[in-house]
Amino acid sequence: MFWYILYVKTGREHYVVDEIINSRLLYGTKSFIPTYDVKFKKSGNYIMERRKLFSGYVFVESEINGIDFYMMVKPFINNSQNVLKLLRYGTDYEGNLSFQVKDSEKEMYLGLYNEEFCVEISKGLIVGDRIKITKGPLVGHGSIIKNINRHKMQAKVEIEFMGCLREITIELEVVEKL
């Protein structure tokens, strides 16, 4: 299966997912919006909420490769008022356009997501000046953490997104400082 990323109007991601489900042009595809869990305190109670990990983007999974997928999705993009374009890396060494997400990026995302394409809350300890992740999707990915805000329970993480490094914020609960 190949992954592709549609750039859509911010706030219209769920409409695009519904359009893809109802479209006859994009048969055999599955679309999803990556999310992350947020835990915050309101009126003395902790509340869990899911937020979009990448606002303005919808991921599409398909068995169709490269330019064939582009030719299939092009009429859908032209007919949709919410989809702006299909992201691409540029041209490869042979001059062909590259649309699908690289395998290395896909593996990184799959390591962070659960089966619902959501990044759950991680838990960790601070030992000296280092963080040790004990539970959650960041276990084994400590090197991608760039900054931690213990009071907001957030970690700034740097991941690759369509060939560019992008900093995202995900939840990290620091249980204890040793």
N, C-alpha and C. Protein backbone atom coordinates (compact mmCIF):
# COMPACT_ATOMS: atom_id res chain seq x y z
N MET A 1 0.83 -1.18 0.00
CA MET A 1 0.00 0.00 0.00
C MET A 1 0.88 1.25 0.00
N PHE A 2 0.46 2.23 -0.76
CA PHE A 2 1.18 3.50 -0.86
C PHE A 2 0.37 4.58 -0.16
N TRP A 3 1.06 5.53 0.42
CA TRP A 3 0.42 6.68 1.07
C TRP A 3 0.65 7.92 0.23
N TYR A 4 -0.38 8.75 0.17
CA TYR A 4 -0.31 10.04 -0.51
C TYR A 4 -0.90 11.09 0.43
N ILE A 5 -0.53 12.34 0.22
CA ILE A 5 -1.02 13.40 1.09
C ILE A 5 -1.70 14.48 0.25
N LEU A 6 -2.95 14.77 0.58
CA LEU A 6 -3.69 15.85 -0.06
C LEU A 6 -3.61 17.10 0.80
N TYR A 7 -3.30 18.22 0.17
CA TYR A 7 -3.30 19.51 0.84
C TYR A 7 -4.69 20.09 0.67
N VAL A 8 -5.38 20.34 1.79
CA VAL A 8 -6.78 20.77 1.75
C VAL A 8 -6.95 22.07 2.53
N LYS A 9 -8.10 22.68 2.39
CA LYS A 9 -8.39 23.88 3.16
C LYS A 9 -8.46 23.51 4.64
N THR A 10 -7.79 24.30 5.46
CA THR A 10 -7.77 24.04 6.89
C THR A 10 -9.17 24.09 7.47
N GLY A 11 -9.49 23.08 8.26
CA GLY A 11 -10.82 22.97 8.86
C GLY A 11 -11.78 22.17 8.01
N ARG A 12 -11.41 21.81 6.80
CA ARG A 12 -12.28 21.06 5.89
C ARG A 12 -11.81 19.61 5.71
N GLU A 13 -10.91 19.15 6.57
CA GLU A 13 -10.33 17.81 6.43
C GLU A 13 -11.39 16.71 6.48
N HIS A 14 -12.32 16.81 7.43
CA HIS A 14 -13.35 15.77 7.56
C HIS A 14 -14.30 15.77 6.36
N TYR A 15 -14.55 16.93 5.78
CA TYR A 15 -15.37 16.99 4.56
C TYR A 15 -14.68 16.28 3.40
N VAL A 16 -13.36 16.44 3.32
CA VAL A 16 -12.60 15.78 2.24
C VAL A 16 -12.63 14.27 2.43
N VAL A 17 -12.49 13.80 3.66
CA VAL A 17 -12.57 12.36 3.93
C VAL A 17 -13.94 11.83 3.50
N ASP A 18 -15.00 12.55 3.82
CA ASP A 18 -16.35 12.14 3.39
C ASP A 18 -16.48 12.17 1.87
N GLU A 19 -15.90 13.19 1.20
CA GLU A 19 -15.92 13.26 -0.26
C GLU A 19 -15.22 12.05 -0.87
N ILE A 20 -14.09 11.65 -0.28
CA ILE A 20 -13.34 10.50 -0.81
C ILE A 20 -14.15 9.23 -0.63
N ILE A 21 -14.80 9.07 0.51
CA ILE A 21 -15.63 7.88 0.75
C ILE A 21 -16.77 7.81 -0.27
N ASN A 22 -17.40 8.95 -0.58
CA ASN A 22 -18.55 8.98 -1.49
C ASN A 22 -18.17 9.09 -2.97
N SER A 23 -16.90 9.27 -3.26
CA SER A 23 -16.47 9.46 -4.64
C SER A 23 -16.32 8.12 -5.37
N ARG A 24 -16.78 8.11 -6.62
CA ARG A 24 -16.57 6.94 -7.46
C ARG A 24 -15.21 7.00 -8.14
N LEU A 25 -14.60 8.18 -8.15
CA LEU A 25 -13.29 8.35 -8.79
C LEU A 25 -12.16 7.71 -7.98
N LEU A 26 -12.30 7.69 -6.66
CA LEU A 26 -11.24 7.18 -5.80
C LEU A 26 -11.60 5.85 -5.16
N TYR A 27 -12.06 4.91 -5.98
CA TYR A 27 -12.41 3.59 -5.46
C TYR A 27 -11.13 2.88 -5.01
N GLY A 28 -11.27 2.06 -3.98
CA GLY A 28 -10.14 1.28 -3.50
C GLY A 28 -9.13 2.07 -2.69
N THR A 29 -9.53 3.24 -2.20
CA THR A 29 -8.63 4.03 -1.37
C THR A 29 -9.19 4.16 0.04
N LYS A 30 -8.32 4.45 0.97
CA LYS A 30 -8.71 4.68 2.36
C LYS A 30 -8.08 6.01 2.76
N SER A 31 -8.86 6.88 3.37
CA SER A 31 -8.32 8.18 3.78
C SER A 31 -8.41 8.31 5.29
N PHE A 32 -7.48 9.09 5.85
CA PHE A 32 -7.46 9.30 7.29
C PHE A 32 -6.78 10.63 7.62
N ILE A 33 -7.09 11.13 8.80
CA ILE A 33 -6.51 12.36 9.31
C ILE A 33 -5.72 11.98 10.56
N PRO A 34 -4.40 12.10 10.55
CA PRO A 34 -3.62 11.78 11.76
C PRO A 34 -3.98 12.73 12.90
N THR A 35 -4.12 12.17 14.10
CA THR A 35 -4.50 12.95 15.28
C THR A 35 -3.55 12.65 16.43
N TYR A 36 -3.70 13.40 17.50
CA TYR A 36 -2.96 13.12 18.73
C TYR A 36 -3.86 13.43 19.91
N ASP A 37 -3.63 12.69 21.00
CA ASP A 37 -4.41 12.87 22.22
C ASP A 37 -3.83 14.02 23.04
N VAL A 38 -4.73 14.81 23.63
CA VAL A 38 -4.35 15.93 24.48
C VAL A 38 -5.09 15.76 25.81
N LYS A 39 -4.37 15.99 26.89
CA LYS A 39 -4.95 15.92 28.22
C LYS A 39 -4.75 17.29 28.87
N PHE A 40 -5.86 17.92 29.27
CA PHE A 40 -5.74 19.22 29.90
C PHE A 40 -6.75 19.33 31.05
N LYS A 41 -6.47 20.28 31.92
CA LYS A 41 -7.29 20.45 33.11
C LYS A 41 -8.28 21.59 32.89
N LYS A 42 -9.55 21.30 33.17
CA LYS A 42 -10.60 22.30 33.04
C LYS A 42 -11.54 22.14 34.22
N SER A 43 -11.72 23.21 34.97
CA SER A 43 -12.58 23.22 36.16
C SER A 43 -12.19 22.13 37.15
N GLY A 44 -10.90 21.87 37.29
CA GLY A 44 -10.41 20.89 38.24
C GLY A 44 -10.43 19.46 37.76
N ASN A 45 -10.96 19.20 36.57
CA ASN A 45 -11.02 17.84 36.02
C ASN A 45 -10.12 17.74 34.79
N TYR A 46 -9.51 16.56 34.61
CA TYR A 46 -8.72 16.32 33.41
C TYR A 46 -9.63 15.87 32.28
N ILE A 47 -9.44 16.45 31.12
CA ILE A 47 -10.25 16.15 29.94
C ILE A 47 -9.33 15.65 28.83
N MET A 48 -9.74 14.59 28.16
CA MET A 48 -9.00 14.06 27.00
C MET A 48 -9.67 14.56 25.73
N GLU A 49 -8.87 14.96 24.78
CA GLU A 49 -9.38 15.46 23.51
C GLU A 49 -8.45 15.00 22.39
N ARG A 50 -9.00 14.81 21.19
CA ARG A 50 -8.20 14.47 20.02
C ARG A 50 -8.12 15.68 19.11
N ARG A 51 -6.89 15.98 18.67
CA ARG A 51 -6.66 17.11 17.77
C ARG A 51 -5.91 16.64 16.54
N LYS A 52 -6.01 17.42 15.46
CA LYS A 52 -5.32 17.08 14.22
C LYS A 52 -3.82 17.28 14.37
N LEU A 53 -3.07 16.29 13.94
CA LEU A 53 -1.61 16.37 14.02
C LEU A 53 -1.07 17.30 12.94
N PHE A 54 -1.62 17.21 11.74
CA PHE A 54 -1.22 18.07 10.62
C PHE A 54 -2.47 18.77 10.10
N SER A 55 -2.72 19.99 10.52
CA SER A 55 -3.90 20.72 10.03
C SER A 55 -3.73 21.02 8.55
N GLY A 56 -4.79 20.79 7.79
CA GLY A 56 -4.77 21.09 6.37
C GLY A 56 -4.28 19.95 5.49
N TYR A 57 -4.14 18.75 6.05
CA TYR A 57 -3.66 17.61 5.27
C TYR A 57 -4.53 16.39 5.52
N VAL A 58 -4.78 15.63 4.44
CA VAL A 58 -5.50 14.37 4.53
C VAL A 58 -4.61 13.31 3.87
N PHE A 59 -4.40 12.21 4.56
CA PHE A 59 -3.59 11.12 4.05
C PHE A 59 -4.50 10.14 3.31
N VAL A 60 -4.03 9.61 2.20
CA VAL A 60 -4.80 8.65 1.41
C VAL A 60 -3.92 7.42 1.20
N GLU A 61 -4.50 6.24 1.46
CA GLU A 61 -3.80 4.97 1.26
C GLU A 61 -4.40 4.28 0.06
N SER A 62 -3.54 3.83 -0.86
CA SER A 62 -4.02 3.21 -2.08
C SER A 62 -3.03 2.16 -2.56
N GLU A 63 -3.52 1.21 -3.33
CA GLU A 63 -2.64 0.21 -3.94
C GLU A 63 -2.07 0.71 -5.25
N ILE A 64 -2.59 1.80 -5.78
CA ILE A 64 -2.16 2.34 -7.07
C ILE A 64 -0.90 3.18 -6.86
N ASN A 65 0.07 3.01 -7.72
CA ASN A 65 1.39 3.62 -7.56
C ASN A 65 1.55 4.88 -8.40
N GLY A 66 2.21 5.89 -7.83
CA GLY A 66 2.74 7.05 -8.50
C GLY A 66 1.84 7.83 -9.43
N ILE A 67 2.27 7.94 -10.68
CA ILE A 67 1.60 8.78 -11.68
C ILE A 67 0.20 8.26 -11.99
N ASP A 68 -0.01 6.95 -11.86
CA ASP A 68 -1.35 6.39 -12.08
C ASP A 68 -2.33 6.90 -11.02
N PHE A 69 -1.85 7.01 -9.79
CA PHE A 69 -2.70 7.56 -8.73
C PHE A 69 -2.98 9.03 -9.00
N TYR A 70 -1.97 9.76 -9.44
CA TYR A 70 -2.16 11.18 -9.75
C TYR A 70 -3.22 11.36 -10.84
N MET A 71 -3.17 10.54 -11.87
CA MET A 71 -4.16 10.63 -12.95
C MET A 71 -5.56 10.28 -12.44
N MET A 72 -5.65 9.38 -11.46
CA MET A 72 -6.94 9.01 -10.89
C MET A 72 -7.48 10.12 -9.99
N VAL A 73 -6.61 10.78 -9.22
CA VAL A 73 -7.06 11.76 -8.24
C VAL A 73 -7.22 13.16 -8.85
N LYS A 74 -6.62 13.41 -10.00
CA LYS A 74 -6.68 14.75 -10.62
C LYS A 74 -8.12 15.23 -10.86
N PRO A 75 -9.01 14.42 -11.45
CA PRO A 75 -10.40 14.89 -11.61
C PRO A 75 -11.10 15.15 -10.27
N PHE A 76 -10.77 14.35 -9.26
CA PHE A 76 -11.34 14.55 -7.93
C PHE A 76 -10.90 15.90 -7.38
N ILE A 77 -9.63 16.24 -7.52
CA ILE A 77 -9.10 17.52 -7.03
C ILE A 77 -9.76 18.67 -7.77
N ASN A 78 -9.91 18.55 -9.08
CA ASN A 78 -10.53 19.61 -9.88
C ASN A 78 -11.99 19.83 -9.52
N ASN A 79 -12.71 18.76 -9.13
CA ASN A 79 -14.13 18.87 -8.81
C ASN A 79 -14.39 19.27 -7.37
N SER A 80 -13.40 19.15 -6.51
CA SER A 80 -13.58 19.45 -5.09
C SER A 80 -13.25 20.90 -4.80
N GLN A 81 -14.07 21.53 -3.98
CA GLN A 81 -13.79 22.90 -3.57
C GLN A 81 -12.88 22.94 -2.35
N ASN A 82 -12.66 21.79 -1.72
CA ASN A 82 -11.88 21.73 -0.49
C ASN A 82 -10.45 21.27 -0.68
N VAL A 83 -10.16 20.54 -1.75
CA VAL A 83 -8.82 20.01 -1.99
C VAL A 83 -8.05 20.99 -2.86
N LEU A 84 -6.85 21.35 -2.41
CA LEU A 84 -6.03 22.30 -3.15
C LEU A 84 -5.05 21.60 -4.09
N LYS A 85 -4.36 20.55 -3.59
CA LYS A 85 -3.43 19.83 -4.46
C LYS A 85 -2.97 18.53 -3.79
N LEU A 86 -2.32 17.69 -4.59
CA LEU A 86 -1.67 16.49 -4.11
C LEU A 86 -0.20 16.82 -3.92
N LEU A 87 0.32 16.57 -2.73
CA LEU A 87 1.73 16.89 -2.46
C LEU A 87 2.65 15.95 -3.20
N ARG A 88 3.83 16.46 -3.56
CA ARG A 88 4.83 15.64 -4.24
C ARG A 88 6.22 16.06 -3.79
N TYR A 89 7.17 15.17 -3.98
CA TYR A 89 8.55 15.43 -3.61
C TYR A 89 9.29 16.20 -4.69
N GLY A 90 8.85 16.13 -5.89
CA GLY A 90 9.58 16.70 -7.03
C GLY A 90 9.90 15.57 -7.99
N THR A 91 10.97 15.69 -8.69
CA THR A 91 11.35 14.65 -9.65
C THR A 91 12.46 13.79 -9.08
N ASP A 92 12.46 12.50 -9.45
CA ASP A 92 13.52 11.61 -9.00
C ASP A 92 14.69 11.69 -9.98
N TYR A 93 15.66 10.83 -9.83
CA TYR A 93 16.86 10.87 -10.66
C TYR A 93 16.59 10.56 -12.13
N GLU A 94 15.46 9.96 -12.45
CA GLU A 94 15.10 9.68 -13.84
C GLU A 94 14.18 10.74 -14.43
N GLY A 95 13.81 11.74 -13.64
CA GLY A 95 12.93 12.80 -14.12
C GLY A 95 11.45 12.51 -13.92
N ASN A 96 11.12 11.44 -13.21
CA ASN A 96 9.73 11.10 -12.93
C ASN A 96 9.25 11.82 -11.68
N LEU A 97 7.98 12.21 -11.67
CA LEU A 97 7.39 12.84 -10.49
C LEU A 97 7.19 11.80 -9.40
N SER A 98 7.44 12.17 -8.16
CA SER A 98 7.29 11.26 -7.03
C SER A 98 6.21 11.80 -6.09
N PHE A 99 5.10 11.08 -6.01
CA PHE A 99 3.96 11.52 -5.21
C PHE A 99 3.81 10.76 -3.89
N GLN A 100 4.17 9.47 -3.86
CA GLN A 100 3.91 8.68 -2.67
C GLN A 100 4.90 9.00 -1.55
N VAL A 101 4.40 8.86 -0.31
CA VAL A 101 5.22 9.10 0.87
C VAL A 101 6.33 8.05 0.90
N LYS A 102 7.55 8.50 1.20
CA LYS A 102 8.70 7.59 1.25
C LYS A 102 8.48 6.53 2.33
N ASP A 103 9.05 5.36 2.09
CA ASP A 103 8.89 4.26 3.04
C ASP A 103 9.46 4.61 4.41
N SER A 104 10.57 5.33 4.46
CA SER A 104 11.17 5.69 5.75
C SER A 104 10.23 6.60 6.56
N GLU A 105 9.58 7.56 5.89
CA GLU A 105 8.61 8.42 6.57
C GLU A 105 7.40 7.62 7.02
N LYS A 106 6.91 6.75 6.16
CA LYS A 106 5.74 5.95 6.48
C LYS A 106 6.01 5.07 7.70
N GLU A 107 7.20 4.45 7.77
CA GLU A 107 7.55 3.62 8.91
C GLU A 107 7.63 4.44 10.20
N MET A 108 8.14 5.67 10.10
CA MET A 108 8.21 6.55 11.26
C MET A 108 6.80 6.87 11.77
N TYR A 109 5.89 7.22 10.84
CA TYR A 109 4.51 7.51 11.23
C TYR A 109 3.85 6.29 11.85
N LEU A 110 4.03 5.13 11.24
CA LEU A 110 3.40 3.91 11.76
C LEU A 110 3.94 3.55 13.14
N GLY A 111 5.19 3.93 13.43
CA GLY A 111 5.75 3.71 14.76
C GLY A 111 5.12 4.60 15.82
N LEU A 112 4.61 5.75 15.41
CA LEU A 112 3.99 6.68 16.35
C LEU A 112 2.49 6.48 16.49
N TYR A 113 1.81 6.09 15.40
CA TYR A 113 0.35 5.98 15.40
C TYR A 113 -0.12 4.67 16.01
N ASN A 114 -1.34 4.69 16.56
CA ASN A 114 -2.01 3.45 16.91
C ASN A 114 -2.87 3.03 15.70
N GLU A 115 -3.74 2.06 15.86
CA GLU A 115 -4.53 1.57 14.72
C GLU A 115 -5.54 2.59 14.21
N GLU A 116 -5.82 3.63 15.01
CA GLU A 116 -6.74 4.70 14.58
C GLU A 116 -5.98 5.92 14.05
N PHE A 117 -4.69 5.77 13.75
CA PHE A 117 -3.82 6.83 13.27
C PHE A 117 -3.77 8.01 14.25
N CYS A 118 -3.67 7.67 15.53
CA CYS A 118 -3.61 8.66 16.60
C CYS A 118 -2.33 8.45 17.41
N VAL A 119 -1.66 9.54 17.75
CA VAL A 119 -0.48 9.49 18.62
C VAL A 119 -0.98 9.63 20.05
N GLU A 120 -0.82 8.57 20.83
CA GLU A 120 -1.30 8.57 22.21
C GLU A 120 -0.31 9.31 23.11
N ILE A 121 -0.71 9.54 24.35
CA ILE A 121 0.13 10.23 25.33
C ILE A 121 1.25 9.29 25.78
N SER A 122 2.48 9.80 25.78
CA SER A 122 3.63 9.05 26.27
C SER A 122 3.92 9.46 27.71
N LYS A 123 4.59 8.56 28.42
CA LYS A 123 5.00 8.85 29.80
C LYS A 123 6.49 8.61 29.91
N GLY A 124 7.14 9.41 30.77
CA GLY A 124 8.58 9.26 30.91
C GLY A 124 9.10 9.78 32.23
N LEU A 125 10.40 9.60 32.40
CA LEU A 125 11.12 10.05 33.58
C LEU A 125 12.25 10.97 33.13
N ILE A 126 12.61 11.91 33.98
CA ILE A 126 13.80 12.71 33.72
C ILE A 126 14.89 12.19 34.63
N VAL A 127 15.97 11.72 34.03
CA VAL A 127 17.12 11.20 34.76
C VAL A 127 18.30 12.12 34.45
N GLY A 128 18.66 12.95 35.42
CA GLY A 128 19.72 13.94 35.18
C GLY A 128 19.22 14.98 34.20
N ASP A 129 19.88 15.08 33.06
CA ASP A 129 19.46 16.02 32.03
C ASP A 129 18.87 15.31 30.81
N ARG A 130 18.55 14.04 30.96
CA ARG A 130 18.00 13.25 29.86
C ARG A 130 16.59 12.76 30.19
N ILE A 131 15.83 12.52 29.14
CA ILE A 131 14.48 11.99 29.30
C ILE A 131 14.50 10.51 28.94
N LYS A 132 13.83 9.71 29.74
CA LYS A 132 13.69 8.28 29.45
C LYS A 132 12.20 8.00 29.30
N ILE A 133 11.78 7.64 28.11
CA ILE A 133 10.38 7.35 27.82
C ILE A 133 10.09 5.92 28.28
N THR A 134 9.08 5.76 29.13
CA THR A 134 8.76 4.44 29.68
C THR A 134 7.51 3.82 29.06
N LYS A 135 6.63 4.65 28.50
CA LYS A 135 5.37 4.14 27.96
C LYS A 135 4.89 5.05 26.85
N GLY A 136 4.29 4.46 25.81
CA GLY A 136 3.69 5.25 24.74
C GLY A 136 4.46 5.16 23.43
N PRO A 137 4.02 5.89 22.44
CA PRO A 137 4.62 5.79 21.10
C PRO A 137 6.02 6.37 20.99
N LEU A 138 6.45 7.18 21.93
CA LEU A 138 7.80 7.76 21.86
C LEU A 138 8.88 6.83 22.41
N VAL A 139 8.51 5.64 22.91
CA VAL A 139 9.51 4.68 23.38
C VAL A 139 10.40 4.30 22.19
N GLY A 140 11.68 4.49 22.37
CA GLY A 140 12.62 4.19 21.29
C GLY A 140 12.83 5.33 20.32
N HIS A 141 12.08 6.42 20.47
CA HIS A 141 12.19 7.57 19.58
C HIS A 141 12.67 8.81 20.35
N GLY A 142 13.44 8.60 21.41
CA GLY A 142 13.90 9.72 22.23
C GLY A 142 14.75 10.72 21.48
N SER A 143 15.39 10.28 20.41
CA SER A 143 16.28 11.19 19.66
C SER A 143 15.52 12.25 18.87
N ILE A 144 14.24 12.03 18.61
CA ILE A 144 13.50 13.02 17.83
C ILE A 144 12.88 14.10 18.70
N ILE A 145 12.97 13.95 20.04
CA ILE A 145 12.44 14.96 20.96
C ILE A 145 13.42 16.13 21.00
N LYS A 146 12.93 17.31 20.72
CA LYS A 146 13.78 18.50 20.70
C LYS A 146 13.62 19.37 21.94
N ASN A 147 12.43 19.37 22.55
CA ASN A 147 12.16 20.24 23.68
C ASN A 147 11.02 19.64 24.49
N ILE A 148 11.07 19.83 25.81
CA ILE A 148 10.01 19.33 26.69
C ILE A 148 9.51 20.48 27.56
N ASN A 149 8.19 20.60 27.64
CA ASN A 149 7.55 21.54 28.56
C ASN A 149 6.79 20.71 29.58
N ARG A 150 7.40 20.54 30.77
CA ARG A 150 6.82 19.67 31.80
C ARG A 150 5.49 20.20 32.31
N HIS A 151 5.33 21.51 32.39
CA HIS A 151 4.12 22.09 32.95
C HIS A 151 2.91 21.91 32.03
N LYS A 152 3.13 21.98 30.73
CA LYS A 152 2.05 21.77 29.77
C LYS A 152 1.95 20.32 29.33
N MET A 153 2.86 19.46 29.81
CA MET A 153 2.92 18.05 29.44
C MET A 153 3.05 17.89 27.92
N GLN A 154 3.98 18.61 27.31
CA GLN A 154 4.16 18.58 25.86
C GLN A 154 5.62 18.35 25.50
N ALA A 155 5.81 17.70 24.37
CA ALA A 155 7.14 17.51 23.81
C ALA A 155 7.12 18.01 22.37
N LYS A 156 8.11 18.79 22.00
CA LYS A 156 8.28 19.20 20.61
C LYS A 156 9.12 18.13 19.94
N VAL A 157 8.59 17.57 18.87
CA VAL A 157 9.22 16.45 18.18
C VAL A 157 9.47 16.87 16.74
N GLU A 158 10.63 16.50 16.22
CA GLU A 158 10.97 16.84 14.85
C GLU A 158 10.91 15.58 13.99
N ILE A 159 9.99 15.60 13.00
CA ILE A 159 9.84 14.46 12.09
C ILE A 159 9.90 14.94 10.65
N GLU A 160 10.12 14.00 9.77
CA GLU A 160 10.18 14.32 8.35
C GLU A 160 8.77 14.27 7.77
N PHE A 161 8.42 15.29 7.01
CA PHE A 161 7.11 15.38 6.37
C PHE A 161 7.31 15.79 4.93
N MET A 162 7.14 14.86 4.01
CA MET A 162 7.32 15.09 2.57
C MET A 162 8.70 15.70 2.26
N GLY A 163 9.72 15.15 2.90
CA GLY A 163 11.08 15.56 2.61
C GLY A 163 11.60 16.73 3.42
N CYS A 164 10.74 17.39 4.20
CA CYS A 164 11.15 18.53 5.02
C CYS A 164 11.01 18.16 6.50
N LEU A 165 11.88 18.71 7.32
CA LEU A 165 11.75 18.49 8.75
C LEU A 165 10.67 19.41 9.29
N ARG A 166 9.78 18.84 10.09
CA ARG A 166 8.68 19.60 10.64
C ARG A 166 8.60 19.34 12.14
N GLU A 167 8.39 20.40 12.89
CA GLU A 167 8.28 20.28 14.34
C GLU A 167 6.80 20.22 14.73
N ILE A 168 6.45 19.17 15.46
CA ILE A 168 5.08 19.01 15.93
C ILE A 168 5.09 18.89 17.44
N THR A 169 3.97 19.17 18.06
CA THR A 169 3.84 19.08 19.51
C THR A 169 2.93 17.91 19.84
N ILE A 170 3.43 17.01 20.69
CA ILE A 170 2.60 15.89 21.15
C ILE A 170 2.69 15.82 22.67
N GLU A 171 1.81 15.07 23.27
CA GLU A 171 1.71 15.00 24.72
C GLU A 171 2.75 14.05 25.30
N LEU A 172 3.43 14.53 26.34
CA LEU A 172 4.40 13.75 27.08
C LEU A 172 4.25 14.07 28.55
N GLU A 173 3.83 13.10 29.31
CA GLU A 173 3.63 13.28 30.74
C GLU A 173 4.90 12.83 31.46
N VAL A 174 5.58 13.76 32.10
CA VAL A 174 6.77 13.42 32.88
C VAL A 174 6.31 13.04 34.28
N VAL A 175 6.43 11.77 34.59
CA VAL A 175 5.91 11.23 35.83
C VAL A 175 6.79 11.63 37.01
N GLU A 176 8.11 11.62 36.80
CA GLU A 176 9.02 11.81 37.92
C GLU A 176 10.35 12.35 37.44
N LYS A 177 11.02 13.11 38.30
CA LYS A 177 12.36 13.62 38.01
C LYS A 177 13.31 12.99 39.01
N LEU A 178 14.30 12.23 38.51
CA LEU A 178 15.26 11.55 39.37
C LEU A 178 16.59 12.27 39.39
